[in-house]
Amino acid sequence: MSGRVVIVTGAAAGIGRATARRFAQAGARIAAWDVKSDDPETLVAELQSAGGEALFQRVDVTDASEVEAAVAAVVERWGRVDVLVNNAGILKDGQLVKWKDGEKVSEMSERDFDAVVSVNLKGVFLCTRAAAPHMIRGGGGAILNASSVVGLYGNFGQTNYAATKAAVINMTRTWARELGRYKIRVNAVAPGFIATEMVQAMPEKVLASMVEHTPIGRMGRPEDIAEAYFWLASEAAGFVSGTVLSVDGGLVVGT
């Protein structure tokens, strides 16, 4: 992976940050994208100290012009794009319709539905559309998309999120067919319960339930997902394309 150019979206925290750090440890050049970062200088320094070159780009993945400009800047600086990790995503959970005492008390808003679709699905589309031509010109590459176990099996209160993660799986399979002729491999990772900062802020009772439903007996770490992305991008997975790798500690088996 030394010298390879890797774009990681949603790289400021959690799984994205761990993924950027894992590629940096192998000597990659990292373009760390995020819509916000409290301290981008610290992020860049962290990636560089891990062993790679790095830059931070403030990018809204739902904005086509921003995405195109950011990819162009990466190519101008390093000459190519080898790996794209479409990690950026958001949650806006809620029941489709919440019913109590014979009346509707709430519903998932159109605004929340559209917001999740825009980031989790449209963002993946825009970033891949922008990066793919540079991979084709460069003779190949790897595209890695963030799905989820809920994209495979659904989940209570996550109509919008589960729908986007299921759609990402089918975009992955479609692009594996379309881009394979250019030596571009496209795969998805489906995490289970991962102990990101967002998840760890949940009530202890909820966290305990997550562990209880994970047969391996613990929540995943961001580094577990980072390793999956790294392997899928590497030559060790050179004949793997169009697949969905579940990294969930056996969660699906245990539910």
C-alpha atoms as a PDB file:
ATOM      1  CA  MET A   1       0.000   0.000   0.000  1.00  0.00           C
ATOM      2  CA  SER A   2       3.045   2.270   0.167  1.00  0.00           C
ATOM      3  CA  GLY A   3       2.551   5.357  -1.984  1.00  0.00           C
ATOM      4  CA  ARG A   4      -1.041   4.476  -2.889  1.00  0.00           C
ATOM      5  CA  VAL A   5      -3.486   7.379  -2.854  1.00  0.00           C
ATOM      6  CA  VAL A   6      -6.487   6.730  -0.598  1.00  0.00           C
ATOM      7  CA  ILE A   7      -9.568   8.911  -0.104  1.00  0.00           C
ATOM      8  CA  VAL A   8     -11.505   8.254   3.112  1.00  0.00           C
ATOM      9  CA  THR A   9     -14.812  10.059   3.613  1.00  0.00           C
ATOM     10  CA  GLY A  10     -16.062  10.755   7.124  1.00  0.00           C
ATOM     11  CA  ALA A  11     -12.438  10.532   8.261  1.00  0.00           C
ATOM     12  CA  ALA A  12     -12.507  12.907  11.216  1.00  0.00           C
ATOM     13  CA  ALA A  13     -13.730  10.378  13.783  1.00  0.00           C
ATOM     14  CA  GLY A  14     -14.755   6.817  14.519  1.00  0.00           C
ATOM     15  CA  ILE A  15     -14.435   4.178  11.815  1.00  0.00           C
ATOM     16  CA  GLY A  16     -13.283   6.706   9.232  1.00  0.00           C
ATOM     17  CA  ARG A  17     -10.415   7.950  11.373  1.00  0.00           C
ATOM     18  CA  ALA A  18      -9.330   4.416  12.250  1.00  0.00           C
ATOM     19  CA  THR A  19      -9.457   3.490   8.563  1.00  0.00           C
ATOM     20  CA  ALA A  20      -7.378   6.481   7.498  1.00  0.00           C
ATOM     21  CA  ARG A  21      -4.848   5.642  10.221  1.00  0.00           C
ATOM     22  CA  ARG A  22      -4.647   1.983   9.114  1.00  0.00           C
ATOM     23  CA  PHE A  23      -3.836   2.926   5.533  1.00  0.00           C
ATOM     24  CA  ALA A  24      -1.327   5.522   6.741  1.00  0.00           C
ATOM     25  CA  GLN A  25       0.432   2.842   8.777  1.00  0.00           C
ATOM     26  CA  ALA A  26       1.072   1.023   5.498  1.00  0.00           C
ATOM     27  CA  GLY A  27       2.624   4.120   3.936  1.00  0.00           C
ATOM     28  CA  ALA A  28      -0.369   5.310   1.905  1.00  0.00           C
ATOM     29  CA  ARG A  29      -1.126   8.897   0.993  1.00  0.00           C
ATOM     30  CA  ILE A  30      -4.379   9.827   2.699  1.00  0.00           C
ATOM     31  CA  ALA A  31      -6.947  12.410   1.633  1.00  0.00           C
ATOM     32  CA  ALA A  32      -9.092  12.645   4.773  1.00  0.00           C
ATOM     33  CA  TRP A  33     -12.516  14.075   3.954  1.00  0.00           C
ATOM     34  CA  ASP A  34     -15.138  15.246   6.392  1.00  0.00           C
ATOM     35  CA  VAL A  35     -17.878  17.847   6.461  1.00  0.00           C
ATOM     36  CA  LYS A  36     -16.445  19.102   9.734  1.00  0.00           C
ATOM     37  CA  SER A  37     -13.455  18.593  11.993  1.00  0.00           C
ATOM     38  CA  ASP A  38     -12.688  20.290  15.293  1.00  0.00           C
ATOM     39  CA  ASP A  39      -8.949  19.986  14.746  1.00  0.00           C
ATOM     40  CA  PRO A  40      -7.883  19.002  11.215  1.00  0.00           C
ATOM     41  CA  GLU A  41      -4.222  19.791  11.975  1.00  0.00           C
ATOM     42  CA  THR A  42      -4.181  17.132  14.696  1.00  0.00           C
ATOM     43  CA  LEU A  43      -5.773  14.602  12.337  1.00  0.00           C
ATOM     44  CA  VAL A  44      -3.178  15.262   9.640  1.00  0.00           C
ATOM     45  CA  ALA A  45      -0.350  15.049  12.176  1.00  0.00           C
ATOM     46  CA  GLU A  46      -1.738  11.760  13.498  1.00  0.00           C
ATOM     47  CA  LEU A  47      -1.823  10.237  10.020  1.00  0.00           C
ATOM     48  CA  GLN A  48       1.638  11.468   9.175  1.00  0.00           C
ATOM     49  CA  SER A  49       3.089  10.131  12.420  1.00  0.00           C
ATOM     50  CA  ALA A  50       1.458   6.786  11.599  1.00  0.00           C
ATOM     51  CA  GLY A  51       3.606   6.606   8.488  1.00  0.00           C
ATOM     52  CA  GLY A  52       1.757   8.195   5.573  1.00  0.00           C
ATOM     53  CA  GLU A  53       1.410  11.516   3.819  1.00  0.00           C
ATOM     54  CA  ALA A  54      -1.907  13.230   4.533  1.00  0.00           C
ATOM     55  CA  LEU A  55      -4.130  16.170   3.851  1.00  0.00           C
ATOM     56  CA  PHE A  56      -7.536  17.149   5.227  1.00  0.00           C
ATOM     57  CA  GLN A  57     -10.297  18.352   2.907  1.00  0.00           C
ATOM     58  CA  ARG A  58     -13.568  19.781   4.157  1.00  0.00           C
ATOM     59  CA  VAL A  59     -16.061  18.124   1.811  1.00  0.00           C
ATOM     60  CA  ASP A  60     -19.850  17.813   1.837  1.00  0.00           C
ATOM     61  CA  VAL A  61     -20.345  14.496   0.035  1.00  0.00           C
ATOM     62  CA  THR A  62     -23.881  15.508  -0.950  1.00  0.00           C
ATOM     63  CA  ASP A  63     -22.556  18.422  -3.025  1.00  0.00           C
ATOM     64  CA  ALA A  64     -21.412  17.261  -6.475  1.00  0.00           C
ATOM     65  CA  SER A  65     -19.303  20.343  -7.155  1.00  0.00           C
ATOM     66  CA  GLU A  66     -17.459  20.043  -3.829  1.00  0.00           C
ATOM     67  CA  VAL A  67     -16.796  16.352  -4.419  1.00  0.00           C
ATOM     68  CA  GLU A  68     -15.504  16.903  -7.957  1.00  0.00           C
ATOM     69  CA  ALA A  69     -13.252  19.747  -6.812  1.00  0.00           C
ATOM     70  CA  ALA A  70     -11.852  17.711  -3.926  1.00  0.00           C
ATOM     71  CA  VAL A  71     -11.033  14.742  -6.166  1.00  0.00           C
ATOM     72  CA  ALA A  72      -9.381  17.088  -8.668  1.00  0.00           C
ATOM     73  CA  ALA A  73      -7.244  18.535  -5.860  1.00  0.00           C
ATOM     74  CA  VAL A  74      -6.137  15.051  -4.790  1.00  0.00           C
ATOM     75  CA  VAL A  75      -5.154  14.178  -8.355  1.00  0.00           C
ATOM     76  CA  GLU A  76      -3.352  17.478  -8.795  1.00  0.00           C
ATOM     77  CA  ARG A  77      -1.318  16.817  -5.651  1.00  0.00           C
ATOM     78  CA  TRP A  78      -0.593  13.108  -5.999  1.00  0.00           C
ATOM     79  CA  GLY A  79      -1.409  12.291  -9.616  1.00  0.00           C
ATOM     80  CA  ARG A  80      -3.932   9.504  -9.078  1.00  0.00           C
ATOM     81  CA  VAL A  81      -6.615   7.872  -6.931  1.00  0.00           C
ATOM     82  CA  ASP A  82      -6.101   4.222  -5.989  1.00  0.00           C
ATOM     83  CA  VAL A  83      -8.614   3.595  -3.205  1.00  0.00           C
ATOM     84  CA  LEU A  84     -11.906   5.247  -2.250  1.00  0.00           C
ATOM     85  CA  VAL A  85     -13.482   4.407   1.109  1.00  0.00           C
ATOM     86  CA  ASN A  86     -17.070   5.671   1.145  1.00  0.00           C
ATOM     87  CA  ASN A  87     -17.411   5.739   4.919  1.00  0.00           C
ATOM     88  CA  ALA A  88     -19.355   8.968   5.563  1.00  0.00           C
ATOM     89  CA  GLY A  89     -22.838   8.426   6.968  1.00  0.00           C
ATOM     90  CA  ILE A  90     -25.456   9.774   9.351  1.00  0.00           C
ATOM     91  CA  LEU A  91     -28.297   8.476  11.516  1.00  0.00           C
ATOM     92  CA  LYS A  92     -31.719  10.042  12.014  1.00  0.00           C
ATOM     93  CA  ASP A  93     -33.712   7.210  13.556  1.00  0.00           C
ATOM     94  CA  GLY A  94     -37.426   7.042  14.201  1.00  0.00           C
ATOM     95  CA  GLN A  95     -40.387   4.768  13.675  1.00  0.00           C
ATOM     96  CA  LEU A  96     -42.279   5.068  10.401  1.00  0.00           C
ATOM     97  CA  VAL A  97     -45.390   5.676  12.502  1.00  0.00           C
ATOM     98  CA  LYS A  98     -45.456   5.598  16.298  1.00  0.00           C
ATOM     99  CA  TRP A  99     -48.844   4.649  17.647  1.00  0.00           C
ATOM    100  CA  LYS A 100     -50.048   4.938  21.254  1.00  0.00           C
ATOM    101  CA  ASP A 101     -53.465   4.720  22.885  1.00  0.00           C
ATOM    102  CA  GLY A 102     -55.216   4.516  19.540  1.00  0.00           C
ATOM    103  CA  GLU A 103     -53.518   7.562  18.034  1.00  0.00           C
ATOM    104  CA  LYS A 104     -50.458   8.457  16.004  1.00  0.00           C
ATOM    105  CA  VAL A 105     -48.033  10.306  18.266  1.00  0.00           C
ATOM    106  CA  SER A 106     -45.142  10.724  15.826  1.00  0.00           C
ATOM    107  CA  GLU A 107     -43.751   9.658  12.469  1.00  0.00           C
ATOM    108  CA  MET A 108     -40.471   9.707  10.565  1.00  0.00           C
ATOM    109  CA  SER A 109     -40.255  13.095   8.926  1.00  0.00           C
ATOM    110  CA  GLU A 110     -39.643  13.565   5.238  1.00  0.00           C
ATOM    111  CA  ARG A 111     -36.755  15.850   6.169  1.00  0.00           C
ATOM    112  CA  ASP A 112     -35.006  13.122   8.185  1.00  0.00           C
ATOM    113  CA  PHE A 113     -35.636  10.549   5.472  1.00  0.00           C
ATOM    114  CA  ASP A 114     -34.168  12.803   2.779  1.00  0.00           C
ATOM    115  CA  ALA A 115     -31.149  13.788   4.885  1.00  0.00           C
ATOM    116  CA  VAL A 116     -30.079  10.195   5.463  1.00  0.00           C
ATOM    117  CA  VAL A 117     -30.634   9.237   1.819  1.00  0.00           C
ATOM    118  CA  SER A 118     -28.630  12.273   0.706  1.00  0.00           C
ATOM    119  CA  VAL A 119     -25.534  11.472   2.770  1.00  0.00           C
ATOM    120  CA  ASN A 120     -25.578   7.679   2.953  1.00  0.00           C
ATOM    121  CA  LEU A 121     -26.644   6.958  -0.612  1.00  0.00           C
ATOM    122  CA  LYS A 122     -26.272   9.989  -2.846  1.00  0.00           C
ATOM    123  CA  GLY A 123     -22.929  10.763  -1.240  1.00  0.00           C
ATOM    124  CA  VAL A 124     -21.597   7.314  -2.117  1.00  0.00           C
ATOM    125  CA  PHE A 125     -22.817   7.786  -5.690  1.00  0.00           C
ATOM    126  CA  LEU A 126     -21.243  11.241  -6.093  1.00  0.00           C
ATOM    127  CA  CYS A 127     -17.874  10.263  -4.630  1.00  0.00           C
ATOM    128  CA  THR A 128     -17.627   7.100  -6.703  1.00  0.00           C
ATOM    129  CA  ARG A 129     -18.689   8.866  -9.885  1.00  0.00           C
ATOM    130  CA  ALA A 130     -15.972  11.470  -9.329  1.00  0.00           C
ATOM    131  CA  ALA A 131     -13.180   9.037  -8.449  1.00  0.00           C
ATOM    132  CA  ALA A 132     -13.846   6.219 -10.932  1.00  0.00           C
ATOM    133  CA  PRO A 133     -12.551   8.006 -14.081  1.00  0.00           C
ATOM    134  CA  HIS A 134      -9.201   8.634 -12.377  1.00  0.00           C
ATOM    135  CA  MET A 135      -8.974   4.975 -11.362  1.00  0.00           C
ATOM    136  CA  ILE A 136      -9.729   3.938 -14.944  1.00  0.00           C
ATOM    137  CA  ARG A 137      -6.990   6.218 -16.272  1.00  0.00           C
ATOM    138  CA  GLY A 138      -4.611   4.878 -13.620  1.00  0.00           C
ATOM    139  CA  GLY A 139      -5.208   1.251 -14.546  1.00  0.00           C
ATOM    140  CA  GLY A 140      -7.404   0.133 -11.673  1.00  0.00           C
ATOM    141  CA  GLY A 141      -8.295   0.632  -8.047  1.00  0.00           C
ATOM    142  CA  ALA A 142     -10.541  -0.364  -5.165  1.00  0.00           C
ATOM    143  CA  ILE A 143     -13.836   1.164  -4.059  1.00  0.00           C
ATOM    144  CA  LEU A 144     -15.099   0.273  -0.589  1.00  0.00           C
ATOM    145  CA  ASN A 145     -18.592   1.161   0.568  1.00  0.00           C
ATOM    146  CA  ALA A 146     -20.019   1.335   4.079  1.00  0.00           C
ATOM    147  CA  SER A 147     -23.122  -0.806   4.383  1.00  0.00           C
ATOM    148  CA  SER A 148     -24.417  -2.316   7.645  1.00  0.00           C
ATOM    149  CA  VAL A 149     -25.969  -5.499   8.971  1.00  0.00           C
ATOM    150  CA  VAL A 150     -29.235  -3.542   9.067  1.00  0.00           C
ATOM    151  CA  GLY A 151     -28.916  -3.175   5.307  1.00  0.00           C
ATOM    152  CA  LEU A 152     -29.044  -6.958   5.098  1.00  0.00           C
ATOM    153  CA  TYR A 153     -31.768  -7.631   7.663  1.00  0.00           C
ATOM    154  CA  GLY A 154     -33.534  -4.360   8.522  1.00  0.00           C
ATOM    155  CA  ASN A 155     -33.898  -2.869  11.973  1.00  0.00           C
ATOM    156  CA  PHE A 156     -36.649  -1.373  14.092  1.00  0.00           C
ATOM    157  CA  GLY A 157     -36.765   2.415  13.882  1.00  0.00           C
ATOM    158  CA  GLN A 158     -34.331   2.698  10.974  1.00  0.00           C
ATOM    159  CA  THR A 159     -36.419   2.871   7.813  1.00  0.00           C
ATOM    160  CA  ASN A 160     -34.189   5.505   6.223  1.00  0.00           C
ATOM    161  CA  TYR A 161     -30.838   4.134   7.404  1.00  0.00           C
ATOM    162  CA  ALA A 162     -31.609   0.502   6.562  1.00  0.00           C
ATOM    163  CA  ALA A 163     -32.908   1.481   3.133  1.00  0.00           C
ATOM    164  CA  THR A 164     -29.718   3.365   2.275  1.00  0.00           C
ATOM    165  CA  LYS A 165     -27.477   0.566   3.490  1.00  0.00           C
ATOM    166  CA  ALA A 166     -29.409  -1.990   1.432  1.00  0.00           C
ATOM    167  CA  ALA A 167     -29.160   0.268  -1.606  1.00  0.00           C
ATOM    168  CA  VAL A 168     -25.400   0.619  -1.115  1.00  0.00           C
ATOM    169  CA  ILE A 169     -25.088  -3.159  -1.362  1.00  0.00           C
ATOM    170  CA  ASN A 170     -26.785  -3.200  -4.735  1.00  0.00           C
ATOM    171  CA  MET A 171     -24.792  -0.222  -6.002  1.00  0.00           C
ATOM    172  CA  THR A 172     -21.682  -2.148  -4.949  1.00  0.00           C
ATOM    173  CA  ARG A 173     -22.718  -5.189  -6.960  1.00  0.00           C
ATOM    174  CA  THR A 174     -23.687  -3.087  -9.958  1.00  0.00           C
ATOM    175  CA  TRP A 175     -20.401  -1.194  -9.988  1.00  0.00           C
ATOM    176  CA  ALA A 176     -18.432  -4.432  -9.584  1.00  0.00           C
ATOM    177  CA  ARG A 177     -20.010  -5.530 -12.877  1.00  0.00           C
ATOM    178  CA  GLU A 178     -19.524  -2.196 -14.622  1.00  0.00           C
ATOM    179  CA  LEU A 179     -16.006  -1.352 -13.457  1.00  0.00           C
ATOM    180  CA  GLY A 180     -14.381  -4.772 -13.263  1.00  0.00           C
ATOM    181  CA  ARG A 181     -13.240  -4.541 -16.884  1.00  0.00           C
ATOM    182  CA  TYR A 182     -11.079  -1.590 -15.813  1.00  0.00           C
ATOM    183  CA  LYS A 183      -9.480  -3.587 -12.976  1.00  0.00           C
ATOM    184  CA  ILE A 184     -11.499  -1.724 -10.364  1.00  0.00           C
ATOM    185  CA  ARG A 185     -12.764  -3.896  -7.534  1.00  0.00           C
ATOM    186  CA  VAL A 186     -15.859  -2.755  -5.625  1.00  0.00           C
ATOM    187  CA  ASN A 187     -16.849  -4.222  -2.261  1.00  0.00           C
ATOM    188  CA  ALA A 188     -18.930  -3.324   0.783  1.00  0.00           C
ATOM    189  CA  VAL A 189     -18.410  -3.826   4.504  1.00  0.00           C
ATOM    190  CA  ALA A 190     -21.400  -4.435   6.780  1.00  0.00           C
ATOM    191  CA  PRO A 191     -20.464  -3.588  10.386  1.00  0.00           C
ATOM    192  CA  GLY A 192     -22.424  -4.760  13.388  1.00  0.00           C
ATOM    193  CA  PHE A 193     -22.416  -2.867  16.700  1.00  0.00           C
ATOM    194  CA  ILE A 194     -19.221  -0.808  16.750  1.00  0.00           C
ATOM    195  CA  ALA A 195     -18.036   1.172  19.772  1.00  0.00           C
ATOM    196  CA  THR A 196     -17.699   4.560  18.123  1.00  0.00           C
ATOM    197  CA  GLU A 197     -18.019   7.756  20.153  1.00  0.00           C
ATOM    198  CA  MET A 198     -21.612   8.110  18.966  1.00  0.00           C
ATOM    199  CA  VAL A 199     -22.564   4.604  20.065  1.00  0.00           C
ATOM    200  CA  GLN A 200     -20.734   4.803  23.384  1.00  0.00           C
ATOM    201  CA  ALA A 201     -22.849   7.842  24.291  1.00  0.00           C
ATOM    202  CA  MET A 202     -25.939   5.603  24.371  1.00  0.00           C
ATOM    203  CA  PRO A 203     -27.436   4.475  27.710  1.00  0.00           C
ATOM    204  CA  GLU A 204     -25.625   1.610  29.460  1.00  0.00           C
ATOM    205  CA  LYS A 205     -28.723  -0.581  29.137  1.00  0.00           C
ATOM    206  CA  VAL A 206     -28.676  -0.226  25.355  1.00  0.00           C
ATOM    207  CA  LEU A 207     -24.945  -0.961  25.166  1.00  0.00           C
ATOM    208  CA  ALA A 208     -25.380  -4.056  27.332  1.00  0.00           C
ATOM    209  CA  SER A 209     -28.116  -5.285  25.001  1.00  0.00           C
ATOM    210  CA  MET A 210     -25.801  -4.838  22.005  1.00  0.00           C
ATOM    211  CA  VAL A 211     -23.142  -6.989  23.650  1.00  0.00           C
ATOM    212  CA  GLU A 212     -25.731  -9.563  24.697  1.00  0.00           C
ATOM    213  CA  HIS A 213     -26.842  -9.998  21.085  1.00  0.00           C
ATOM    214  CA  THR A 214     -23.291 -10.334  19.774  1.00  0.00           C
ATOM    215  CA  PRO A 215     -22.171 -13.964  20.121  1.00  0.00           C
ATOM    216  CA  ILE A 216     -18.470 -13.090  20.285  1.00  0.00           C
ATOM    217  CA  GLY A 217     -19.249 -11.246  23.526  1.00  0.00           C
ATOM    218  CA  ARG A 218     -18.110  -7.707  22.834  1.00  0.00           C
ATOM    219  CA  MET A 219     -18.827  -4.727  20.645  1.00  0.00           C
ATOM    220  CA  GLY A 220     -16.640  -4.156  17.643  1.00  0.00           C
ATOM    221  CA  ARG A 221     -13.867  -1.578  17.583  1.00  0.00           C
ATOM    222  CA  PRO A 222     -13.403   0.942  14.784  1.00  0.00           C
ATOM    223  CA  GLU A 223     -10.103  -0.806  14.102  1.00  0.00           C
ATOM    224  CA  ASP A 224     -11.985  -4.042  13.326  1.00  0.00           C
ATOM    225  CA  ILE A 225     -13.728  -2.321  10.433  1.00  0.00           C
ATOM    226  CA  ALA A 226     -10.546  -0.537   9.372  1.00  0.00           C
ATOM    227  CA  GLU A 227      -8.795  -3.891   9.020  1.00  0.00           C
ATOM    228  CA  ALA A 228     -11.617  -5.163   6.837  1.00  0.00           C
ATOM    229  CA  TYR A 229     -11.361  -2.144   4.554  1.00  0.00           C
ATOM    230  CA  PHE A 230      -7.591  -2.483   4.407  1.00  0.00           C
ATOM    231  CA  TRP A 231      -7.724  -6.155   3.479  1.00  0.00           C
ATOM    232  CA  LEU A 232     -10.327  -5.578   0.768  1.00  0.00           C
ATOM    233  CA  ALA A 233      -8.161  -2.829  -0.743  1.00  0.00           C
ATOM    234  CA  SER A 234      -5.014  -4.942  -0.674  1.00  0.00           C
ATOM    235  CA  GLU A 235      -3.659  -7.389  -3.231  1.00  0.00           C
ATOM    236  CA  ALA A 236      -4.509 -10.177  -0.771  1.00  0.00           C
ATOM    237  CA  ALA A 237      -8.134  -9.601  -1.870  1.00  0.00           C
ATOM    238  CA  GLY A 238      -7.217  -9.184  -5.524  1.00  0.00           C
ATOM    239  CA  PHE A 239      -9.911 -11.603  -6.740  1.00  0.00           C
ATOM    240  CA  VAL A 240     -12.652 -10.308  -4.415  1.00  0.00           C
ATOM    241  CA  SER A 241     -15.217  -7.981  -5.962  1.00  0.00           C
ATOM    242  CA  GLY A 242     -18.955  -7.429  -5.611  1.00  0.00           C
ATOM    243  CA  THR A 243     -19.065  -8.920  -2.140  1.00  0.00           C
ATOM    244  CA  VAL A 244     -20.429  -7.765   1.212  1.00  0.00           C
ATOM    245  CA  LEU A 245     -18.177  -8.552   4.154  1.00  0.00           C
ATOM    246  CA  SER A 246     -20.075  -8.679   7.449  1.00  0.00           C
ATOM    247  CA  VAL A 247     -17.927  -7.660  10.402  1.00  0.00           C
ATOM    248  CA  ASP A 248     -20.359  -8.136  13.257  1.00  0.00           C
ATOM    249  CA  GLY A 249     -19.020 -10.631  15.785  1.00  0.00           C
ATOM    250  CA  GLY A 250     -21.685 -13.136  14.744  1.00  0.00           C
ATOM    251  CA  LEU A 251     -24.504 -10.688  15.468  1.00  0.00           C
ATOM    252  CA  VAL A 252     -26.765 -11.976  12.702  1.00  0.00           C
ATOM    253  CA  VAL A 253     -26.373 -15.533  13.932  1.00  0.00           C
ATOM    254  CA  GLY A 254     -27.261 -14.431  17.457  1.00  0.00           C
ATOM    255  CA  THR A 255     -30.482 -12.574  16.655  1.00  0.00           C
END
